[in-house]
Amino acid sequence: MTSEPYAVTITVDVFDRLALYRAAMRRAVADGVSLADYLSMRRTGGDRTAVDLVMLLDPGISPAGCQIQDSRAEALSADWLGTAVSGAGFAEAGAAGPCTVPIGDRA
């Protein structure tokens, strides 16, 4: 069986980083990640908000019929939408490098 790669993009506005952090921390602990390990992931993962977003938005286990290859979150410039609509990619829109967090298969 051959596979076809797809990229799925979800764009979010973060307006309360503390609430996001708390939700991600609760999710990590509920998924069996120790608090110490999660805090270590935040310290070493680059953009801490990106680490929190991956924790919350990556389902952990791939849905039937596909396999999640990668999870990443990245900060976009304030004018990313206007640039992206004009045809430029995220890198051209001034996005910072992506934060990829190895979280494995969470239950």
PDB file of N, CA and C in Angstrom:
ATOM      1  N   MET A   1       0.841  -1.171   0.000  1.00  0.00           N
ATOM      2  CA  MET A   1       0.000   0.000   0.000  1.00  0.00           C
ATOM      3  C   MET A   1       0.893   1.244   0.000  1.00  0.00           C
ATOM      4  N   THR A   2       0.603   2.184  -0.869  1.00  0.00           N
ATOM      5  CA  THR A   2       1.369   3.423  -0.913  1.00  0.00           C
ATOM      6  C   THR A   2       0.715   4.467  -0.028  1.00  0.00           C
ATOM      7  N   SER A   3       1.521   5.391   0.441  1.00  0.00           N
ATOM      8  CA  SER A   3       0.981   6.470   1.267  1.00  0.00           C
ATOM      9  C   SER A   3       1.166   7.795   0.547  1.00  0.00           C
ATOM     10  N   GLU A   4       0.319   8.735   0.874  1.00  0.00           N
ATOM     11  CA  GLU A   4       0.390  10.077   0.312  1.00  0.00           C
ATOM     12  C   GLU A   4       0.584  11.070   1.449  1.00  0.00           C
ATOM     13  N   PRO A   5       1.636  11.879   1.409  1.00  0.00           N
ATOM     14  CA  PRO A   5       1.844  12.856   2.487  1.00  0.00           C
ATOM     15  C   PRO A   5       0.890  14.053   2.362  1.00  0.00           C
ATOM     16  N   TYR A   6       0.365  14.483   3.465  1.00  0.00           N
ATOM     17  CA  TYR A   6      -0.478  15.673   3.553  1.00  0.00           C
ATOM     18  C   TYR A   6       0.029  16.519   4.715  1.00  0.00           C
ATOM     19  N   ALA A   7      -0.171  17.793   4.637  1.00  0.00           N
ATOM     20  CA  ALA A   7       0.103  18.686   5.758  1.00  0.00           C
ATOM     21  C   ALA A   7      -1.214  19.335   6.162  1.00  0.00           C
ATOM     22  N   VAL A   8      -1.509  19.336   7.436  1.00  0.00           N
ATOM     23  CA  VAL A   8      -2.728  19.943   7.967  1.00  0.00           C
ATOM     24  C   VAL A   8      -2.312  21.152   8.790  1.00  0.00           C
ATOM     25  N   THR A   9      -2.936  22.294   8.555  1.00  0.00           N
ATOM     26  CA  THR A   9      -2.580  23.518   9.260  1.00  0.00           C
ATOM     27  C   THR A   9      -3.772  24.019  10.064  1.00  0.00           C
ATOM     28  N   ILE A  10      -3.539  24.300  11.319  1.00  0.00           N
ATOM     29  CA  ILE A  10      -4.532  24.929  12.192  1.00  0.00           C
ATOM     30  C   ILE A  10      -3.866  26.193  12.718  1.00  0.00           C
ATOM     31  N   THR A  11      -4.453  27.340  12.455  1.00  0.00           N
ATOM     32  CA  THR A  11      -3.889  28.604  12.922  1.00  0.00           C
ATOM     33  C   THR A  11      -4.715  29.099  14.107  1.00  0.00           C
ATOM     34  N   VAL A  12      -4.043  29.441  15.182  1.00  0.00           N
ATOM     35  CA  VAL A  12      -4.727  29.893  16.390  1.00  0.00           C
ATOM     36  C   VAL A  12      -4.185  31.248  16.822  1.00  0.00           C
ATOM     37  N   ASP A  13      -5.000  32.004  17.511  1.00  0.00           N
ATOM     38  CA  ASP A  13      -4.563  33.237  18.170  1.00  0.00           C
ATOM     39  C   ASP A  13      -4.424  32.925  19.653  1.00  0.00           C
ATOM     40  N   VAL A  14      -3.271  33.149  20.212  1.00  0.00           N
ATOM     41  CA  VAL A  14      -3.047  32.928  21.640  1.00  0.00           C
ATOM     42  C   VAL A  14      -3.228  34.272  22.341  1.00  0.00           C
ATOM     43  N   PHE A  15      -4.219  34.330  23.216  1.00  0.00           N
ATOM     44  CA  PHE A  15      -4.494  35.580  23.920  1.00  0.00           C
ATOM     45  C   PHE A  15      -4.275  35.468  25.419  1.00  0.00           C
ATOM     46  N   ASP A  16      -4.036  34.251  25.920  1.00  0.00           N
ATOM     47  CA  ASP A  16      -3.761  34.065  27.348  1.00  0.00           C
ATOM     48  C   ASP A  16      -2.761  32.923  27.500  1.00  0.00           C
ATOM     49  N   ARG A  17      -1.477  33.269  27.489  1.00  0.00           N
ATOM     50  CA  ARG A  17      -0.426  32.250  27.550  1.00  0.00           C
ATOM     51  C   ARG A  17      -0.455  31.468  28.854  1.00  0.00           C
ATOM     52  N   LEU A  18      -0.827  32.103  29.945  1.00  0.00           N
ATOM     53  CA  LEU A  18      -0.879  31.408  31.227  1.00  0.00           C
ATOM     54  C   LEU A  18      -1.976  30.344  31.224  1.00  0.00           C
ATOM     55  N   ALA A  19      -3.150  30.683  30.729  1.00  0.00           N
ATOM     56  CA  ALA A  19      -4.238  29.706  30.640  1.00  0.00           C
ATOM     57  C   ALA A  19      -3.856  28.553  29.713  1.00  0.00           C
ATOM     58  N   LEU A  20      -3.185  28.873  28.607  1.00  0.00           N
ATOM     59  CA  LEU A  20      -2.730  27.847  27.674  1.00  0.00           C
ATOM     60  C   LEU A  20      -1.729  26.914  28.357  1.00  0.00           C
ATOM     61  N   TYR A  21      -0.772  27.490  29.066  1.00  0.00           N
ATOM     62  CA  TYR A  21       0.227  26.711  29.793  1.00  0.00           C
ATOM     63  C   TYR A  21      -0.439  25.782  30.813  1.00  0.00           C
ATOM     64  N   ARG A  22      -1.374  26.319  31.577  1.00  0.00           N
ATOM     65  CA  ARG A  22      -2.044  25.504  32.589  1.00  0.00           C
ATOM     66  C   ARG A  22      -2.815  24.348  31.958  1.00  0.00           C
ATOM     67  N   ALA A  23      -3.503  24.619  30.849  1.00  0.00           N
ATOM     68  CA  ALA A  23      -4.244  23.563  30.156  1.00  0.00           C
ATOM     69  C   ALA A  23      -3.294  22.502  29.606  1.00  0.00           C
ATOM     70  N   ALA A  24      -2.165  22.929  29.040  1.00  0.00           N
ATOM     71  CA  ALA A  24      -1.194  21.985  28.495  1.00  0.00           C
ATOM     72  C   ALA A  24      -0.570  21.138  29.602  1.00  0.00           C
ATOM     73  N   MET A  25      -0.299  21.768  30.740  1.00  0.00           N
ATOM     74  CA  MET A  25       0.274  21.044  31.871  1.00  0.00           C
ATOM     75  C   MET A  25      -0.712  19.981  32.364  1.00  0.00           C
ATOM     76  N   ARG A  26      -1.987  20.344  32.483  1.00  0.00           N
ATOM     77  CA  ARG A  26      -2.998  19.372  32.911  1.00  0.00           C
ATOM     78  C   ARG A  26      -3.099  18.221  31.901  1.00  0.00           C
ATOM     79  N   ARG A  27      -3.047  18.553  30.611  1.00  0.00           N
ATOM     80  CA  ARG A  27      -3.127  17.526  29.566  1.00  0.00           C
ATOM     81  C   ARG A  27      -1.923  16.591  29.642  1.00  0.00           C
ATOM     82  N   ALA A  28      -0.744  17.148  29.829  1.00  0.00           N
ATOM     83  CA  ALA A  28       0.468  16.333  29.913  1.00  0.00           C
ATOM     84  C   ALA A  28       0.357  15.335  31.060  1.00  0.00           C
ATOM     85  N   VAL A  29      -0.036  15.812  32.221  1.00  0.00           N
ATOM     86  CA  VAL A  29      -0.155  14.950  33.393  1.00  0.00           C
ATOM     87  C   VAL A  29      -1.245  13.903  33.163  1.00  0.00           C
ATOM     88  N   ALA A  30      -2.372  14.290  32.590  1.00  0.00           N
ATOM     89  CA  ALA A  30      -3.457  13.348  32.299  1.00  0.00           C
ATOM     90  C   ALA A  30      -3.015  12.281  31.299  1.00  0.00           C
ATOM     91  N   ASP A  31      -2.095  12.647  30.387  1.00  0.00           N
ATOM     92  CA  ASP A  31      -1.598  11.705  29.379  1.00  0.00           C
ATOM     93  C   ASP A  31      -0.427  10.874  29.883  1.00  0.00           C
ATOM     94  N   GLY A  32      -0.074  11.022  31.156  1.00  0.00           N
ATOM     95  CA  GLY A  32       0.972  10.202  31.740  1.00  0.00           C
ATOM     96  C   GLY A  32       2.373  10.768  31.656  1.00  0.00           C
ATOM     97  N   VAL A  33       2.496  12.036  31.247  1.00  0.00           N
ATOM     98  CA  VAL A  33       3.803  12.689  31.215  1.00  0.00           C
ATOM     99  C   VAL A  33       4.023  13.310  32.590  1.00  0.00           C
ATOM    100  N   SER A  34       5.155  13.032  33.204  1.00  0.00           N
ATOM    101  CA  SER A  34       5.394  13.610  34.527  1.00  0.00           C
ATOM    102  C   SER A  34       5.534  15.126  34.391  1.00  0.00           C
ATOM    103  N   LEU A  35       5.172  15.806  35.448  1.00  0.00           N
ATOM    104  CA  LEU A  35       5.284  17.263  35.442  1.00  0.00           C
ATOM    105  C   LEU A  35       6.730  17.683  35.192  1.00  0.00           C
ATOM    106  N   ALA A  36       7.684  16.989  35.802  1.00  0.00           N
ATOM    107  CA  ALA A  36       9.102  17.312  35.598  1.00  0.00           C
ATOM    108  C   ALA A  36       9.498  17.149  34.134  1.00  0.00           C
ATOM    109  N   ASP A  37       9.021  16.074  33.483  1.00  0.00           N
ATOM    110  CA  ASP A  37       9.348  15.866  32.069  1.00  0.00           C
ATOM    111  C   ASP A  37       8.729  16.948  31.194  1.00  0.00           C
ATOM    112  N   TYR A  38       7.496  17.334  31.511  1.00  0.00           N
ATOM    113  CA  TYR A  38       6.854  18.369  30.704  1.00  0.00           C
ATOM    114  C   TYR A  38       7.563  19.713  30.861  1.00  0.00           C
ATOM    115  N   LEU A  39       7.918  20.048  32.078  1.00  0.00           N
ATOM    116  CA  LEU A  39       8.638  21.301  32.292  1.00  0.00           C
ATOM    117  C   LEU A  39       9.990  21.278  31.587  1.00  0.00           C
ATOM    118  N   SER A  40      10.633  20.115  31.550  1.00  0.00           N
ATOM    119  CA  SER A  40      11.893  19.969  30.826  1.00  0.00           C
ATOM    120  C   SER A  40      11.676  20.161  29.319  1.00  0.00           C
ATOM    121  N   MET A  41      10.586  19.595  28.791  1.00  0.00           N
ATOM    122  CA  MET A  41      10.260  19.780  27.374  1.00  0.00           C
ATOM    123  C   MET A  41      10.057  21.264  27.063  1.00  0.00           C
ATOM    124  N   ARG A  42       9.402  21.973  27.957  1.00  0.00           N
ATOM    125  CA  ARG A  42       9.182  23.410  27.742  1.00  0.00           C
ATOM    126  C   ARG A  42      10.489  24.188  27.762  1.00  0.00           C
ATOM    127  N   ARG A  43      11.408  23.798  28.648  1.00  0.00           N
ATOM    128  CA  ARG A  43      12.697  24.505  28.749  1.00  0.00           C
ATOM    129  C   ARG A  43      13.570  24.255  27.528  1.00  0.00           C
ATOM    130  N   THR A  44      13.531  23.057  26.977  1.00  0.00           N
ATOM    131  CA  THR A  44      14.448  22.691  25.898  1.00  0.00           C
ATOM    132  C   THR A  44      13.804  22.713  24.521  1.00  0.00           C
ATOM    133  N   GLY A  45      12.496  22.956  24.434  1.00  0.00           N
ATOM    134  CA  GLY A  45      11.786  22.871  23.161  1.00  0.00           C
ATOM    135  C   GLY A  45      11.755  24.140  22.348  1.00  0.00           C
ATOM    136  N   GLY A  46      12.446  25.179  22.795  1.00  0.00           N
ATOM    137  CA  GLY A  46      12.419  26.441  22.050  1.00  0.00           C
ATOM    138  C   GLY A  46      11.317  27.339  22.578  1.00  0.00           C
ATOM    139  N   ASP A  47      10.357  27.646  21.759  1.00  0.00           N
ATOM    140  CA  ASP A  47       9.232  28.513  22.096  1.00  0.00           C
ATOM    141  C   ASP A  47       8.275  27.762  23.030  1.00  0.00           C
ATOM    142  N   ARG A  48       8.188  28.196  24.270  1.00  0.00           N
ATOM    143  CA  ARG A  48       7.366  27.484  25.257  1.00  0.00           C
ATOM    144  C   ARG A  48       5.887  27.466  24.888  1.00  0.00           C
ATOM    145  N   THR A  49       5.395  28.537  24.310  1.00  0.00           N
ATOM    146  CA  THR A  49       3.991  28.563  23.888  1.00  0.00           C
ATOM    147  C   THR A  49       3.764  27.537  22.791  1.00  0.00           C
ATOM    148  N   ALA A  50       4.725  27.376  21.889  1.00  0.00           N
ATOM    149  CA  ALA A  50       4.611  26.370  20.829  1.00  0.00           C
ATOM    150  C   ALA A  50       4.569  24.966  21.423  1.00  0.00           C
ATOM    151  N   VAL A  51       5.372  24.713  22.452  1.00  0.00           N
ATOM    152  CA  VAL A  51       5.366  23.409  23.120  1.00  0.00           C
ATOM    153  C   VAL A  51       3.987  23.154  23.718  1.00  0.00           C
ATOM    154  N   ASP A  52       3.403  24.162  24.356  1.00  0.00           N
ATOM    155  CA  ASP A  52       2.066  24.021  24.941  1.00  0.00           C
ATOM    156  C   ASP A  52       1.023  23.725  23.858  1.00  0.00           C
ATOM    157  N   LEU A  53       1.111  24.413  22.729  1.00  0.00           N
ATOM    158  CA  LEU A  53       0.154  24.186  21.645  1.00  0.00           C
ATOM    159  C   LEU A  53       0.242  22.771  21.094  1.00  0.00           C
ATOM    160  N   VAL A  54       1.459  22.268  20.917  1.00  0.00           N
ATOM    161  CA  VAL A  54       1.610  20.897  20.427  1.00  0.00           C
ATOM    162  C   VAL A  54       1.011  19.920  21.430  1.00  0.00           C
ATOM    163  N   MET A  55       1.255  20.143  22.704  1.00  0.00           N
ATOM    164  CA  MET A  55       0.705  19.252  23.726  1.00  0.00           C
ATOM    165  C   MET A  55      -0.814  19.211  23.659  1.00  0.00           C
ATOM    166  N   LEU A  56      -1.434  20.348  23.434  1.00  0.00           N
ATOM    167  CA  LEU A  56      -2.891  20.414  23.432  1.00  0.00           C
ATOM    168  C   LEU A  56      -3.522  19.993  22.105  1.00  0.00           C
ATOM    169  N   LEU A  57      -2.879  20.272  20.994  1.00  0.00           N
ATOM    170  CA  LEU A  57      -3.531  20.071  19.694  1.00  0.00           C
ATOM    171  C   LEU A  57      -3.125  18.793  18.976  1.00  0.00           C
ATOM    172  N   ASP A  58      -2.042  18.155  19.386  1.00  0.00           N
ATOM    173  CA  ASP A  58      -1.666  16.870  18.789  1.00  0.00           C
ATOM    174  C   ASP A  58      -2.433  15.782  19.534  1.00  0.00           C
ATOM    175  N   PRO A  59      -3.229  14.986  18.826  1.00  0.00           N
ATOM    176  CA  PRO A  59      -4.037  13.975  19.521  1.00  0.00           C
ATOM    177  C   PRO A  59      -3.215  12.839  20.121  1.00  0.00           C
ATOM    178  N   GLY A  60      -1.942  12.725  19.744  1.00  0.00           N
ATOM    179  CA  GLY A  60      -1.097  11.684  20.311  1.00  0.00           C
ATOM    180  C   GLY A  60      -1.138  10.386  19.541  1.00  0.00           C
ATOM    181  N   ILE A  61      -2.299   9.829  19.359  1.00  0.00           N
ATOM    182  CA  ILE A  61      -2.449   8.573  18.627  1.00  0.00           C
ATOM    183  C   ILE A  61      -3.049   8.896  17.265  1.00  0.00           C
ATOM    184  N   SER A  62      -2.457   8.338  16.224  1.00  0.00           N
ATOM    185  CA  SER A  62      -2.922   8.599  14.862  1.00  0.00           C
ATOM    186  C   SER A  62      -4.303   7.992  14.629  1.00  0.00           C
ATOM    187  N   PRO A  63      -5.167   8.707  13.914  1.00  0.00           N
ATOM    188  CA  PRO A  63      -6.478   8.146  13.547  1.00  0.00           C
ATOM    189  C   PRO A  63      -6.310   6.969  12.585  1.00  0.00           C
ATOM    190  N   ALA A  64      -7.311   6.132  12.489  1.00  0.00           N
ATOM    191  CA  ALA A  64      -7.275   4.988  11.572  1.00  0.00           C
ATOM    192  C   ALA A  64      -7.032   5.469  10.144  1.00  0.00           C
ATOM    193  N   GLY A  65      -6.199   4.760   9.438  1.00  0.00           N
ATOM    194  CA  GLY A  65      -5.958   5.054   8.033  1.00  0.00           C
ATOM    195  C   GLY A  65      -4.827   6.033   7.762  1.00  0.00           C
ATOM    196  N   CYS A  66      -4.213   6.549   8.820  1.00  0.00           N
ATOM    197  CA  CYS A  66      -3.100   7.481   8.614  1.00  0.00           C
ATOM    198  C   CYS A  66      -2.161   7.414   9.812  1.00  0.00           C
ATOM    199  N   GLN A  67      -1.009   8.024   9.661  1.00  0.00           N
ATOM    200  CA  GLN A  67      -0.059   8.106  10.760  1.00  0.00           C
ATOM    201  C   GLN A  67       0.481   9.515  10.848  1.00  0.00           C
ATOM    202  N   ILE A  68       0.379  10.120  12.030  1.00  0.00           N
ATOM    203  CA  ILE A  68       0.930  11.457  12.246  1.00  0.00           C
ATOM    204  C   ILE A  68       2.446  11.338  12.232  1.00  0.00           C
ATOM    205  N   GLN A  69       3.096  12.076  11.353  1.00  0.00           N
ATOM    206  CA  GLN A  69       4.542  12.017  11.210  1.00  0.00           C
ATOM    207  C   GLN A  69       5.261  13.063  12.060  1.00  0.00           C
ATOM    208  N   ASP A  70       4.595  14.179  12.321  1.00  0.00           N
ATOM    209  CA  ASP A  70       5.278  15.302  12.933  1.00  0.00           C
ATOM    210  C   ASP A  70       4.233  16.230  13.540  1.00  0.00           C
ATOM    211  N   SER A  71       4.581  16.897  14.591  1.00  0.00           N
ATOM    212  CA  SER A  71       3.737  17.946  15.174  1.00  0.00           C
ATOM    213  C   SER A  71       4.621  19.156  15.369  1.00  0.00           C
ATOM    214  N   ARG A  72       4.145  20.297  14.975  1.00  0.00           N
ATOM    215  CA  ARG A  72       4.942  21.506  15.168  1.00  0.00           C
ATOM    216  C   ARG A  72       4.018  22.701  15.326  1.00  0.00           C
ATOM    217  N   ALA A  73       4.546  23.680  16.012  1.00  0.00           N
ATOM    218  CA  ALA A  73       3.861  24.962  16.171  1.00  0.00           C
ATOM    219  C   ALA A  73       4.912  26.036  15.968  1.00  0.00           C
ATOM    220  N   GLU A  74       4.515  27.132  15.396  1.00  0.00           N
ATOM    221  CA  GLU A  74       5.458  28.218  15.162  1.00  0.00           C
ATOM    222  C   GLU A  74       4.757  29.557  15.285  1.00  0.00           C
ATOM    223  N   ALA A  75       5.503  30.531  15.766  1.00  0.00           N
ATOM    224  CA  ALA A  75       4.974  31.886  15.884  1.00  0.00           C
ATOM    225  C   ALA A  75       4.973  32.526  14.505  1.00  0.00           C
ATOM    226  N   LEU A  76       3.908  33.222  14.185  1.00  0.00           N
ATOM    227  CA  LEU A  76       3.802  33.930  12.920  1.00  0.00           C
ATOM    228  C   LEU A  76       3.915  35.425  13.174  1.00  0.00           C
ATOM    229  N   SER A  77       4.368  36.150  12.182  1.00  0.00           N
ATOM    230  CA  SER A  77       4.448  37.603  12.339  1.00  0.00           C
ATOM    231  C   SER A  77       3.043  38.178  12.397  1.00  0.00           C
ATOM    232  N   ALA A  78       2.916  39.377  12.904  1.00  0.00           N
ATOM    233  CA  ALA A  78       1.613  40.019  13.056  1.00  0.00           C
ATOM    234  C   ALA A  78       0.910  40.196  11.716  1.00  0.00           C
ATOM    235  N   ASP A  79       1.654  40.320  10.628  1.00  0.00           N
ATOM    236  CA  ASP A  79       1.030  40.539   9.318  1.00  0.00           C
ATOM    237  C   ASP A  79       1.034  39.275   8.451  1.00  0.00           C
ATOM    238  N   TRP A  80       1.109  38.091   9.065  1.00  0.00           N
ATOM    239  CA  TRP A  80       1.225  36.845   8.310  1.00  0.00           C
ATOM    240  C   TRP A  80       0.050  36.624   7.381  1.00  0.00           C
ATOM    241  N   LEU A  81      -1.156  36.988   7.774  1.00  0.00           N
ATOM    242  CA  LEU A  81      -2.328  36.699   6.953  1.00  0.00           C
ATOM    243  C   LEU A  81      -2.271  37.444   5.630  1.00  0.00           C
ATOM    244  N   GLY A  82      -1.956  38.728   5.673  1.00  0.00           N
ATOM    245  CA  GLY A  82      -1.884  39.492   4.438  1.00  0.00           C
ATOM    246  C   GLY A  82      -0.815  38.970   3.509  1.00  0.00           C
ATOM    247  N   THR A  83       0.311  38.556   4.054  1.00  0.00           N
ATOM    248  CA  THR A  83       1.391  38.016   3.243  1.00  0.00           C
ATOM    249  C   THR A  83       1.023  36.644   2.709  1.00  0.00           C
ATOM    250  N   ALA A  84       0.418  35.797   3.556  1.00  0.00           N
ATOM    251  CA  ALA A  84       0.053  34.452   3.122  1.00  0.00           C
ATOM    252  C   ALA A  84      -1.012  34.506   2.038  1.00  0.00           C
ATOM    253  N   VAL A  85      -1.969  35.430   2.157  1.00  0.00           N
ATOM    254  CA  VAL A  85      -3.018  35.554   1.156  1.00  0.00           C
ATOM    255  C   VAL A  85      -2.435  35.992  -0.174  1.00  0.00           C
ATOM    256  N   SER A  86      -1.362  36.774  -0.153  1.00  0.00           N
ATOM    257  CA  SER A  86      -0.771  37.238  -1.395  1.00  0.00           C
ATOM    258  C   SER A  86       0.073  36.161  -2.065  1.00  0.00           C
ATOM    259  N   GLY A  87       0.186  34.989  -1.445  1.00  0.00           N
ATOM    260  CA  GLY A  87       0.863  33.872  -2.080  1.00  0.00           C
ATOM    261  C   GLY A  87       2.176  33.467  -1.456  1.00  0.00           C
ATOM    262  N   ALA A  88       2.677  34.212  -0.494  1.00  0.00           N
ATOM    263  CA  ALA A  88       3.948  33.846   0.133  1.00  0.00           C
ATOM    264  C   ALA A  88       3.712  32.739   1.157  1.00  0.00           C
ATOM    265  N   GLY A  89       4.715  31.923   1.376  1.00  0.00           N
ATOM    266  CA  GLY A  89       4.615  30.863   2.370  1.00  0.00           C
ATOM    267  C   GLY A  89       4.876  31.402   3.760  1.00  0.00           C
ATOM    268  N   PHE A  90       4.783  30.517   4.758  1.00  0.00           N
ATOM    269  CA  PHE A  90       4.989  30.933   6.137  1.00  0.00           C
ATOM    270  C   PHE A  90       6.381  31.497   6.356  1.00  0.00           C
ATOM    271  N   ALA A  91       7.397  30.895   5.760  1.00  0.00           N
ATOM    272  CA  ALA A  91       8.760  31.392   5.959  1.00  0.00           C
ATOM    273  C   ALA A  91       8.879  32.816   5.426  1.00  0.00           C
ATOM    274  N   GLU A  92       8.275  33.057   4.269  1.00  0.00           N
ATOM    275  CA  GLU A  92       8.338  34.395   3.700  1.00  0.00           C
ATOM    276  C   GLU A  92       7.504  35.390   4.504  1.00  0.00           C
ATOM    277  N   ALA A  93       6.537  34.872   5.272  1.00  0.00           N
ATOM    278  CA  ALA A  93       5.672  35.742   6.067  1.00  0.00           C
ATOM    279  C   ALA A  93       6.340  36.179   7.357  1.00  0.00           C
ATOM    280  N   GLY A  94       7.576  35.770   7.549  1.00  0.00           N
ATOM    281  CA  GLY A  94       8.311  36.198   8.738  1.00  0.00           C
ATOM    282  C   GLY A  94       8.150  35.283   9.923  1.00  0.00           C
ATOM    283  N   ALA A  95       7.714  34.060   9.701  1.00  0.00           N
ATOM    284  CA  ALA A  95       7.523  33.135  10.806  1.00  0.00           C
ATOM    285  C   ALA A  95       8.857  32.722  11.393  1.00  0.00           C
ATOM    286  N   ALA A  96       8.851  32.538  12.683  1.00  0.00           N
ATOM    287  CA  ALA A  96      10.037  31.996  13.338  1.00  0.00           C
ATOM    288  C   ALA A  96      10.150  30.528  12.967  1.00  0.00           C
ATOM    289  N   GLY A  97      11.276  29.940  13.241  1.00  0.00           N
ATOM    290  CA  GLY A  97      11.427  28.514  12.959  1.00  0.00           C
ATOM    291  C   GLY A  97      10.438  27.709  13.766  1.00  0.00           C
ATOM    292  N   PRO A  98      10.008  26.567  13.233  1.00  0.00           N
ATOM    293  CA  PRO A  98       9.010  25.765  13.930  1.00  0.00           C
ATOM    294  C   PRO A  98       9.575  25.118  15.183  1.00  0.00           C
ATOM    295  N   CYS A  99       8.697  24.854  16.104  1.00  0.00           N
ATOM    296  CA  CYS A  99       9.059  24.127  17.315  1.00  0.00           C
ATOM    297  C   CYS A  99       8.471  22.742  17.176  1.00  0.00           C
ATOM    298  N   THR A 100       9.296  21.733  17.028  1.00  0.00           N
ATOM    299  CA  THR A 100       8.839  20.359  16.952  1.00  0.00           C
ATOM    300  C   THR A 100       9.143  19.690  18.278  1.00  0.00           C
ATOM    301  N   VAL A 101       8.134  19.105  18.873  1.00  0.00           N
ATOM    302  CA  VAL A 101       8.278  18.516  20.191  1.00  0.00           C
ATOM    303  C   VAL A 101       8.065  17.012  20.094  1.00  0.00           C
ATOM    304  N   PRO A 102       9.053  16.197  20.443  1.00  0.00           N
ATOM    305  CA  PRO A 102       8.860  14.747  20.419  1.00  0.00           C
ATOM    306  C   PRO A 102       8.036  14.324  21.617  1.00  0.00           C
ATOM    307  N   ILE A 103       6.768  13.986  21.377  1.00  0.00           N
ATOM    308  CA  ILE A 103       5.905  13.632  22.492  1.00  0.00           C
ATOM    309  C   ILE A 103       5.481  12.172  22.449  1.00  0.00           C
ATOM    310  N   GLY A 104       5.825  11.454  21.381  1.00  0.00           N
ATOM    311  CA  GLY A 104       5.503  10.037  21.302  1.00  0.00           C
ATOM    312  C   GLY A 104       4.005   9.811  21.224  1.00  0.00           C
ATOM    313  N   ASP A 105       3.584   8.584  21.413  1.00  0.00           N
ATOM    314  CA  ASP A 105       2.162   8.254  21.382  1.00  0.00           C
ATOM    315  C   ASP A 105       1.590   8.378  22.785  1.00  0.00           C
ATOM    316  N   ARG A 106       0.834   9.441  22.982  1.00  0.00           N
ATOM    317  CA  ARG A 106       0.171   9.628  24.263  1.00  0.00           C
ATOM    318  C   ARG A 106      -1.134   8.854  24.227  1.00  0.00           C
ATOM    319  N   ALA A 107      -1.521   8.277  25.313  1.00  0.00           N
ATOM    320  CA  ALA A 107      -2.790   7.535  25.383  1.00  0.00           C
ATOM    321  C   ALA A 107      -3.939   8.503  25.511  1.00  0.00           C
TER     322      ALA A 107
END
